[in-house]
C-alpha atoms as a PDB file:
ATOM      1  CA  MET A   1     -39.513   0.447  78.072  1.00  0.00           C
ATOM      2  CA  GLU A   2     -38.382  -2.335  75.713  1.00  0.00           C
ATOM      3  CA  MET A   3     -35.199  -2.299  74.022  1.00  0.00           C
ATOM      4  CA  LEU A   4     -35.549  -5.717  72.409  1.00  0.00           C
ATOM      5  CA  LYS A   5     -38.941  -7.705  71.876  1.00  0.00           C
ATOM      6  CA  VAL A   6     -38.023 -10.646  69.442  1.00  0.00           C
ATOM      7  CA  LYS A   7     -41.396 -12.678  68.621  1.00  0.00           C
ATOM      8  CA  ASN A   8     -41.152 -16.475  67.519  1.00  0.00           C
ATOM      9  CA  LEU A   9     -37.733 -16.128  65.817  1.00  0.00           C
ATOM     10  CA  SER A  10     -36.728 -19.320  64.278  1.00  0.00           C
ATOM     11  CA  ILE A  11     -34.224 -21.162  61.883  1.00  0.00           C
ATOM     12  CA  SER A  12     -33.831 -23.758  60.349  1.00  0.00           C
ATOM     13  CA  PHE A  13     -30.012 -26.187  59.100  1.00  0.00           C
ATOM     14  CA  GLY A  14     -31.554 -28.411  57.125  1.00  0.00           C
ATOM     15  CA  GLY A  15     -33.482 -30.876  58.815  1.00  0.00           C
ATOM     16  CA  LEU A  16     -32.807 -29.144  62.243  1.00  0.00           C
ATOM     17  CA  HIS A  17     -34.383 -26.577  64.244  1.00  0.00           C
ATOM     18  CA  ALA A  18     -31.117 -24.045  65.423  1.00  0.00           C
ATOM     19  CA  VAL A  19     -34.003 -21.517  66.636  1.00  0.00           C
ATOM     20  CA  ASP A  20     -37.310 -22.196  67.102  1.00  0.00           C
ATOM     21  CA  SER A  21     -39.646 -20.005  67.757  1.00  0.00           C
ATOM     22  CA  PHE A  22     -38.139 -18.020  70.606  1.00  0.00           C
ATOM     23  CA  SER A  23     -38.964 -15.113  71.961  1.00  0.00           C
ATOM     24  CA  ILE A  24     -37.764 -12.436  74.742  1.00  0.00           C
ATOM     25  CA  THR A  25     -38.348  -8.419  75.312  1.00  0.00           C
ATOM     26  CA  VAL A  26     -34.947  -6.808  77.254  1.00  0.00           C
ATOM     27  CA  ASN A  27     -36.288  -3.095  78.197  1.00  0.00           C
ATOM     28  CA  LYS A  28     -33.827   0.272  77.722  1.00  0.00           C
ATOM     29  CA  GLY A  29     -31.523  -0.644  80.479  1.00  0.00           C
ATOM     30  CA  GLU A  30     -31.700  -4.152  82.237  1.00  0.00           C
ATOM     31  CA  LEU A  31     -29.098  -6.602  81.861  1.00  0.00           C
ATOM     32  CA  TYR A  32     -30.003  -9.861  80.589  1.00  0.00           C
ATOM     33  CA  GLY A  33     -28.210 -13.590  80.137  1.00  0.00           C
ATOM     34  CA  LEU A  34     -28.854 -15.918  77.252  1.00  0.00           C
ATOM     35  CA  ILE A  35     -27.648 -19.173  79.005  1.00  0.00           C
ATOM     36  CA  GLY A  36     -28.034 -23.085  77.706  1.00  0.00           C
ATOM     37  CA  PRO A  37     -26.034 -26.173  76.869  1.00  0.00           C
ATOM     38  CA  ASN A  38     -23.609 -26.009  73.598  1.00  0.00           C
ATOM     39  CA  GLY A  39     -25.258 -25.675  71.242  1.00  0.00           C
ATOM     40  CA  ALA A  40     -28.279 -24.964  72.318  1.00  0.00           C
ATOM     41  CA  GLY A  41     -28.312 -21.989  69.856  1.00  0.00           C
ATOM     42  CA  LYS A  42     -27.669 -19.255  71.235  1.00  0.00           C
ATOM     43  CA  THR A  43     -24.678 -17.755  69.243  1.00  0.00           C
ATOM     44  CA  THR A  44     -27.040 -17.900  66.566  1.00  0.00           C
ATOM     45  CA  VAL A  45     -30.005 -16.158  68.200  1.00  0.00           C
ATOM     46  CA  PHE A  46     -27.144 -13.357  68.629  1.00  0.00           C
ATOM     47  CA  ASN A  47     -25.710 -13.750  64.806  1.00  0.00           C
ATOM     48  CA  LEU A  48     -29.987 -13.419  63.799  1.00  0.00           C
ATOM     49  CA  LEU A  49     -29.903 -10.771  65.770  1.00  0.00           C
ATOM     50  CA  THR A  50     -27.184  -9.177  64.050  1.00  0.00           C
ATOM     51  CA  GLY A  51     -28.321 -10.214  60.676  1.00  0.00           C
ATOM     52  CA  VAL A  52     -25.414 -12.509  59.852  1.00  0.00           C
ATOM     53  CA  TYR A  53     -28.809 -15.357  59.432  1.00  0.00           C
ATOM     54  CA  LYS A  54     -32.098 -14.415  58.267  1.00  0.00           C
ATOM     55  CA  PRO A  55     -34.544 -15.958  60.008  1.00  0.00           C
ATOM     56  CA  ASP A  56     -37.066 -18.306  57.860  1.00  0.00           C
ATOM     57  CA  MET A  57     -40.130 -16.376  60.732  1.00  0.00           C
ATOM     58  CA  GLY A  58     -40.363 -13.913  62.884  1.00  0.00           C
ATOM     59  CA  GLN A  59     -39.684 -11.070  64.164  1.00  0.00           C
ATOM     60  CA  ILE A  60     -37.063  -8.629  65.760  1.00  0.00           C
ATOM     61  CA  ILE A  61     -37.634  -5.201  67.120  1.00  0.00           C
ATOM     62  CA  LEU A  62     -34.782  -2.794  68.437  1.00  0.00           C
ATOM     63  CA  ASP A  63     -36.412   0.500  70.113  1.00  0.00           C
ATOM     64  CA  GLY A  64     -39.784   0.279  67.937  1.00  0.00           C
ATOM     65  CA  LYS A  65     -38.524  -0.080  64.640  1.00  0.00           C
ATOM     66  CA  ASN A  66     -38.574  -3.465  63.126  1.00  0.00           C
ATOM     67  CA  ILE A  67     -34.588  -4.855  61.790  1.00  0.00           C
ATOM     68  CA  THR A  68     -35.972  -8.372  60.841  1.00  0.00           C
ATOM     69  CA  GLY A  69     -33.710  -9.464  57.819  1.00  0.00           C
ATOM     70  CA  LEU A  70     -31.675  -6.176  57.947  1.00  0.00           C
ATOM     71  CA  SER A  71     -27.899  -6.712  56.646  1.00  0.00           C
ATOM     72  CA  PRO A  72     -25.554  -6.750  59.405  1.00  0.00           C
ATOM     73  CA  VAL A  73     -24.436  -3.434  58.481  1.00  0.00           C
ATOM     74  CA  GLU A  74     -27.382  -1.884  58.183  1.00  0.00           C
ATOM     75  CA  ILE A  75     -28.396  -3.624  61.700  1.00  0.00           C
ATOM     76  CA  ASN A  76     -25.207  -1.969  63.321  1.00  0.00           C
ATOM     77  CA  LYS A  77     -26.223   1.203  61.685  1.00  0.00           C
ATOM     78  CA  ALA A  78     -29.206   1.029  63.874  1.00  0.00           C
ATOM     79  CA  GLY A  79     -27.764   0.610  67.398  1.00  0.00           C
ATOM     80  CA  ILE A  80     -27.478  -3.182  67.214  1.00  0.00           C
ATOM     81  CA  ALA A  81     -23.190  -3.748  68.122  1.00  0.00           C
ATOM     82  CA  ARG A  82     -21.668  -7.328  69.738  1.00  0.00           C
ATOM     83  CA  THR A  83     -18.510  -9.328  70.777  1.00  0.00           C
ATOM     84  CA  PHE A  84     -17.485 -13.000  69.748  1.00  0.00           C
ATOM     85  CA  GLN A  85     -16.987 -16.171  71.420  1.00  0.00           C
ATOM     86  CA  ASN A  86     -13.227 -16.228  69.447  1.00  0.00           C
ATOM     87  CA  ILE A  87     -11.722 -12.994  70.140  1.00  0.00           C
ATOM     88  CA  ARG A  88     -12.284 -10.740  66.728  1.00  0.00           C
ATOM     89  CA  LEU A  89      -9.757  -7.763  66.442  1.00  0.00           C
ATOM     90  CA  PHE A  90      -7.761  -6.646  63.810  1.00  0.00           C
ATOM     91  CA  LYS A  91      -4.062  -8.146  65.831  1.00  0.00           C
ATOM     92  CA  ASN A  92      -2.385  -5.827  63.095  1.00  0.00           C
ATOM     93  CA  LEU A  93      -3.347  -2.521  64.793  1.00  0.00           C
ATOM     94  CA  SER A  94      -2.900  -0.904  67.876  1.00  0.00           C
ATOM     95  CA  VAL A  95      -5.400  -0.831  70.882  1.00  0.00           C
ATOM     96  CA  LEU A  96      -6.380   2.621  70.152  1.00  0.00           C
ATOM     97  CA  ASP A  97      -6.946   2.049  66.560  1.00  0.00           C
ATOM     98  CA  ASN A  98      -8.997  -1.016  66.980  1.00  0.00           C
ATOM     99  CA  VAL A  99     -11.476   1.661  69.268  1.00  0.00           C
ATOM    100  CA  LYS A 100     -11.366   4.187  66.095  1.00  0.00           C
ATOM    101  CA  ILE A 101     -12.223   1.662  63.714  1.00  0.00           C
ATOM    102  CA  GLY A 102     -15.326   1.608  66.422  1.00  0.00           C
ATOM    103  CA  LEU A 103     -15.325   5.309  65.483  1.00  0.00           C
ATOM    104  CA  HIS A 104     -15.334   5.530  62.170  1.00  0.00           C
ATOM    105  CA  ASN A 105     -18.382   3.019  61.665  1.00  0.00           C
ATOM    106  CA  ASN A 106     -20.458   5.802  64.357  1.00  0.00           C
ATOM    107  CA  TYR A 107     -19.878   8.264  63.189  1.00  0.00           C
ATOM    108  CA  ASN A 108     -20.322   7.172  59.569  1.00  0.00           C
ATOM    109  CA  TYR A 109     -16.601   7.707  58.205  1.00  0.00           C
ATOM    110  CA  SER A 110     -16.300   7.999  54.577  1.00  0.00           C
ATOM    111  CA  THR A 111     -12.893   7.327  52.912  1.00  0.00           C
ATOM    112  CA  ILE A 112     -11.841   9.536  49.415  1.00  0.00           C
ATOM    113  CA  SER A 113      -7.815   8.141  47.953  1.00  0.00           C
ATOM    114  CA  GLY A 114      -7.565   6.117  51.549  1.00  0.00           C
ATOM    115  CA  ILE A 115      -8.144   9.497  53.562  1.00  0.00           C
ATOM    116  CA  PHE A 116     -11.094   9.721  56.539  1.00  0.00           C
ATOM    117  CA  ARG A 117     -12.967  12.671  56.262  1.00  0.00           C
ATOM    118  CA  LEU A 118     -14.086  13.204  59.659  1.00  0.00           C
ATOM    119  CA  PRO A 119     -17.484  14.832  60.728  1.00  0.00           C
ATOM    120  CA  SER A 120     -18.348  17.717  62.348  1.00  0.00           C
ATOM    121  CA  TYR A 121     -18.394  16.275  66.217  1.00  0.00           C
ATOM    122  CA  PHE A 122     -14.479  15.731  65.989  1.00  0.00           C
ATOM    123  CA  ARG A 123     -13.731  18.764  63.792  1.00  0.00           C
ATOM    124  CA  THR A 124      -9.869  17.389  64.237  1.00  0.00           C
ATOM    125  CA  GLU A 125      -7.777  13.210  64.341  1.00  0.00           C
ATOM    126  CA  LYS A 126      -7.583  14.820  67.993  1.00  0.00           C
ATOM    127  CA  ARG A 127     -10.411  15.333  69.066  1.00  0.00           C
ATOM    128  CA  MET A 128     -11.280  11.281  67.803  1.00  0.00           C
ATOM    129  CA  ASN A 129      -8.853  10.299  69.587  1.00  0.00           C
ATOM    130  CA  GLU A 130      -9.658  12.068  73.056  1.00  0.00           C
ATOM    131  CA  LYS A 131     -12.566  10.527  72.399  1.00  0.00           C
ATOM    132  CA  ALA A 132     -11.204   7.001  72.236  1.00  0.00           C
ATOM    133  CA  TYR A 133      -8.941   7.726  75.193  1.00  0.00           C
ATOM    134  CA  GLU A 134     -11.623   8.366  76.501  1.00  0.00           C
ATOM    135  CA  ILE A 135     -13.516   5.240  76.534  1.00  0.00           C
ATOM    136  CA  LEU A 136     -10.016   3.131  76.601  1.00  0.00           C
ATOM    137  CA  GLU A 137      -9.455   4.511  80.214  1.00  0.00           C
ATOM    138  CA  VAL A 138     -13.132   2.449  81.420  1.00  0.00           C
ATOM    139  CA  PHE A 139     -11.646  -0.343  80.669  1.00  0.00           C
ATOM    140  CA  GLY A 140      -8.081   0.322  81.888  1.00  0.00           C
ATOM    141  CA  LEU A 141      -6.799  -0.536  79.111  1.00  0.00           C
ATOM    142  CA  ASP A 142      -5.969   4.130  77.721  1.00  0.00           C
ATOM    143  CA  LYS A 143      -1.673   3.172  79.416  1.00  0.00           C
ATOM    144  CA  GLU A 144      -1.835   0.579  76.270  1.00  0.00           C
ATOM    145  CA  ALA A 145      -2.881   2.093  73.825  1.00  0.00           C
ATOM    146  CA  ASP A 146      -0.240   2.397  71.121  1.00  0.00           C
ATOM    147  CA  ILE A 147       0.589  -1.247  71.624  1.00  0.00           C
ATOM    148  CA  LEU A 148      -0.777  -3.865  69.216  1.00  0.00           C
ATOM    149  CA  SER A 149      -3.429  -5.838  70.025  1.00  0.00           C
ATOM    150  CA  ALA A 150      -2.131  -8.454  69.925  1.00  0.00           C
ATOM    151  CA  ASN A 151       0.569  -7.955  72.298  1.00  0.00           C
ATOM    152  CA  LEU A 152      -1.863  -7.915  74.748  1.00  0.00           C
ATOM    153  CA  PRO A 153      -2.694 -10.301  77.642  1.00  0.00           C
ATOM    154  CA  TYR A 154      -5.889 -12.862  77.122  1.00  0.00           C
ATOM    155  CA  GLY A 155      -8.128 -10.884  79.390  1.00  0.00           C
ATOM    156  CA  LYS A 156      -7.256  -7.199  77.665  1.00  0.00           C
ATOM    157  CA  GLN A 157      -7.890  -8.889  73.921  1.00  0.00           C
ATOM    158  CA  ARG A 158     -11.359  -9.660  75.896  1.00  0.00           C
ATOM    159  CA  LYS A 159     -11.850  -6.235  77.007  1.00  0.00           C
ATOM    160  CA  LEU A 160     -10.504  -4.425  74.550  1.00  0.00           C
ATOM    161  CA  GLU A 161     -12.907  -6.515  72.192  1.00  0.00           C
ATOM    162  CA  ILE A 162     -16.312  -4.987  74.010  1.00  0.00           C
ATOM    163  CA  ALA A 163     -14.292  -1.255  74.013  1.00  0.00           C
ATOM    164  CA  ARG A 164     -14.750  -1.615  70.257  1.00  0.00           C
ATOM    165  CA  ALA A 165     -18.217  -2.366  70.452  1.00  0.00           C
ATOM    166  CA  LEU A 166     -18.852   0.299  72.625  1.00  0.00           C
ATOM    167  CA  ALA A 167     -17.721   2.625  70.303  1.00  0.00           C
ATOM    168  CA  THR A 168     -20.032   2.627  67.703  1.00  0.00           C
ATOM    169  CA  ASN A 169     -22.501   3.751  70.376  1.00  0.00           C
ATOM    170  CA  PRO A 170     -24.505   1.232  70.535  1.00  0.00           C
ATOM    171  CA  LYS A 171     -28.176   0.795  71.791  1.00  0.00           C
ATOM    172  CA  LEU A 172     -28.188  -2.527  72.515  1.00  0.00           C
ATOM    173  CA  LEU A 173     -24.870  -4.484  73.145  1.00  0.00           C
ATOM    174  CA  LEU A 174     -24.539  -7.998  73.063  1.00  0.00           C
ATOM    175  CA  LEU A 175     -21.121  -9.747  74.387  1.00  0.00           C
ATOM    176  CA  ASP A 176     -21.167 -13.183  73.366  1.00  0.00           C
ATOM    177  CA  GLU A 177     -19.830 -15.558  76.111  1.00  0.00           C
ATOM    178  CA  PRO A 178     -16.874 -12.465  77.542  1.00  0.00           C
ATOM    179  CA  ALA A 179     -15.845 -14.231  80.673  1.00  0.00           C
ATOM    180  CA  ALA A 180     -14.400 -17.420  78.366  1.00  0.00           C
ATOM    181  CA  GLY A 181     -10.747 -18.071  78.974  1.00  0.00           C
ATOM    182  CA  MET A 182     -10.453 -15.563  81.915  1.00  0.00           C
ATOM    183  CA  ASN A 183      -9.089 -16.701  85.816  1.00  0.00           C
ATOM    184  CA  PRO A 184     -11.720 -16.026  88.116  1.00  0.00           C
ATOM    185  CA  ALA A 185      -9.698 -12.343  88.778  1.00  0.00           C
ATOM    186  CA  GLU A 186     -10.773 -11.874  85.582  1.00  0.00           C
ATOM    187  CA  THR A 187     -14.202 -12.549  86.121  1.00  0.00           C
ATOM    188  CA  GLU A 188     -14.758 -10.508  89.300  1.00  0.00           C
ATOM    189  CA  GLU A 189     -12.967  -7.354  87.101  1.00  0.00           C
ATOM    190  CA  LEU A 190     -14.998  -7.968  84.274  1.00  0.00           C
ATOM    191  CA  MET A 191     -18.233  -8.392  85.862  1.00  0.00           C
ATOM    192  CA  GLU A 192     -17.489  -3.826  87.311  1.00  0.00           C
ATOM    193  CA  THR A 193     -16.346  -2.757  83.945  1.00  0.00           C
ATOM    194  CA  ILE A 194     -19.518  -4.117  82.378  1.00  0.00           C
ATOM    195  CA  THR A 195     -21.457  -2.749  84.919  1.00  0.00           C
ATOM    196  CA  ILE A 196     -19.927   0.472  85.152  1.00  0.00           C
ATOM    197  CA  ILE A 197     -19.906   1.162  81.500  1.00  0.00           C
ATOM    198  CA  ARG A 198     -23.943   0.204  81.648  1.00  0.00           C
ATOM    199  CA  LYS A 199     -24.353   3.072  83.496  1.00  0.00           C
ATOM    200  CA  LYS A 200     -21.887   5.172  82.305  1.00  0.00           C
ATOM    201  CA  TYR A 201     -23.289   4.565  78.309  1.00  0.00           C
ATOM    202  CA  ASP A 202     -27.077   3.392  79.641  1.00  0.00           C
ATOM    203  CA  LEU A 203     -26.636   0.286  78.114  1.00  0.00           C
ATOM    204  CA  THR A 204     -29.411  -2.168  77.172  1.00  0.00           C
ATOM    205  CA  ILE A 205     -27.055  -5.341  77.744  1.00  0.00           C
ATOM    206  CA  LEU A 206     -28.122  -9.417  76.850  1.00  0.00           C
ATOM    207  CA  LEU A 207     -25.213 -11.526  77.147  1.00  0.00           C
ATOM    208  CA  ILE A 208     -24.436 -15.267  76.615  1.00  0.00           C
ATOM    209  CA  GLU A 209     -22.436 -17.043  79.690  1.00  0.00           C
ATOM    210  CA  HIS A 210     -21.474 -19.664  80.617  1.00  0.00           C
ATOM    211  CA  ASP A 211     -20.182 -18.419  84.336  1.00  0.00           C
ATOM    212  CA  MET A 212     -22.684 -18.657  86.683  1.00  0.00           C
ATOM    213  CA  LYS A 213     -21.096 -16.681  88.928  1.00  0.00           C
ATOM    214  CA  LEU A 214     -21.530 -14.221  86.408  1.00  0.00           C
ATOM    215  CA  VAL A 215     -24.249 -14.771  85.219  1.00  0.00           C
ATOM    216  CA  ALA A 216     -25.701 -14.699  88.295  1.00  0.00           C
ATOM    217  CA  GLY A 217     -24.151 -11.548  90.177  1.00  0.00           C
ATOM    218  CA  ILE A 218     -24.662  -8.277  86.875  1.00  0.00           C
ATOM    219  CA  CYS A 219     -28.257 -10.004  85.221  1.00  0.00           C
ATOM    220  CA  GLU A 220     -31.708  -9.263  86.757  1.00  0.00           C
ATOM    221  CA  LYS A 221     -33.037 -11.897  84.467  1.00  0.00           C
ATOM    222  CA  ILE A 222     -31.885 -15.146  82.394  1.00  0.00           C
ATOM    223  CA  PHE A 223     -33.180 -16.350  79.364  1.00  0.00           C
ATOM    224  CA  VAL A 224     -32.367 -20.651  79.175  1.00  0.00           C
ATOM    225  CA  LEU A 225     -31.829 -22.276  75.594  1.00  0.00           C
ATOM    226  CA  ASN A 226     -31.787 -26.212  74.982  1.00  0.00           C
ATOM    227  CA  PHE A 227     -32.020 -27.760  71.288  1.00  0.00           C
ATOM    228  CA  GLY A 228     -33.362 -24.203  70.223  1.00  0.00           C
ATOM    229  CA  THR A 229     -35.972 -23.364  72.240  1.00  0.00           C
ATOM    230  CA  GLU A 230     -36.750 -21.507  75.555  1.00  0.00           C
ATOM    231  CA  LEU A 231     -36.966 -23.916  78.339  1.00  0.00           C
ATOM    232  CA  ALA A 232     -37.229 -21.142  81.291  1.00  0.00           C
ATOM    233  CA  ASN A 233     -37.073 -18.009  82.011  1.00  0.00           C
ATOM    234  CA  GLY A 234     -36.698 -15.588  85.342  1.00  0.00           C
ATOM    235  CA  LEU A 235     -34.839 -14.293  87.643  1.00  0.00           C
ATOM    236  CA  PRO A 236     -31.283 -15.757  88.110  1.00  0.00           C
ATOM    237  CA  GLN A 237     -32.103 -17.508  91.939  1.00  0.00           C
ATOM    238  CA  ASP A 238     -35.232 -18.886  90.383  1.00  0.00           C
ATOM    239  CA  VAL A 239     -33.832 -20.121  87.124  1.00  0.00           C
ATOM    240  CA  LEU A 240     -30.425 -21.416  88.440  1.00  0.00           C
ATOM    241  CA  ASN A 241     -32.295 -23.639  91.157  1.00  0.00           C
ATOM    242  CA  ASN A 242     -34.563 -25.102  88.448  1.00  0.00           C
ATOM    243  CA  PRO A 243     -34.771 -29.361  88.357  1.00  0.00           C
ATOM    244  CA  GLU A 244     -35.094 -28.661  84.400  1.00  0.00           C
ATOM    245  CA  VAL A 245     -32.371 -26.322  84.073  1.00  0.00           C
ATOM    246  CA  ILE A 246     -29.962 -28.357  86.274  1.00  0.00           C
ATOM    247  CA  LYS A 247     -31.196 -31.192  84.590  1.00  0.00           C
ATOM    248  CA  ALA A 248     -30.544 -29.946  81.072  1.00  0.00           C
ATOM    249  CA  TYR A 249     -27.453 -26.907  81.843  1.00  0.00           C
ATOM    250  CA  LEU A 250     -25.801 -27.691  84.598  1.00  0.00           C
ATOM    251  CA  GLY A 251     -25.644 -31.942  83.801  1.00  0.00           C
ATOM    252  CA  GLU A 252     -26.874 -32.112  87.808  1.00  0.00           C
END
């Protein structure tokens, strides 16, 4: 069953064709990788999928619904959440409150006179905290719930950003270089965490990553972008041994 279907997605900035007729299908529950050299258009694809940019042409279908041209808020409500190359946390808020913001988005909180109106699902602030702690525990961050997110080590900030995205209850999770800046031990732990949350929350995941060990270790299929167009796609072992991919991406 298709979760994401992208057809001939294109956008230009002036004379630059940043993404040119890109198509991809990601089936429900699968984890695909999107790789390519710097400047290939990978993050631009994510910006198109999340409504940051509106495509010049093409279609984006999420779980059977055409979401092309919707705003970022509308697309998030439709079921797409993401992380960023450069970590975007609320640094002046605690670890717990960062996740609760994701829950606010998920359950359509409204604010009247500065007071959050809880949905019936939570009943009380206590129930919302329990849900936030449940998510943090999966990431090994529950013991640091009251710490300012700015004071977390870098690797844990990366994990917290994923936890906050997960709190919005997405159908499709987009991870933009989640292992960037991590050491090998942190990367290995992240691979395990992504595998766990994928199964626990029945997630469909598309990730951008430069760490080929991570990509080969957890992705069912890889798409390669170069100069905004698809260079190759297929099983990890086939793509990573493709001479054209090696030439364009690995520089060998």
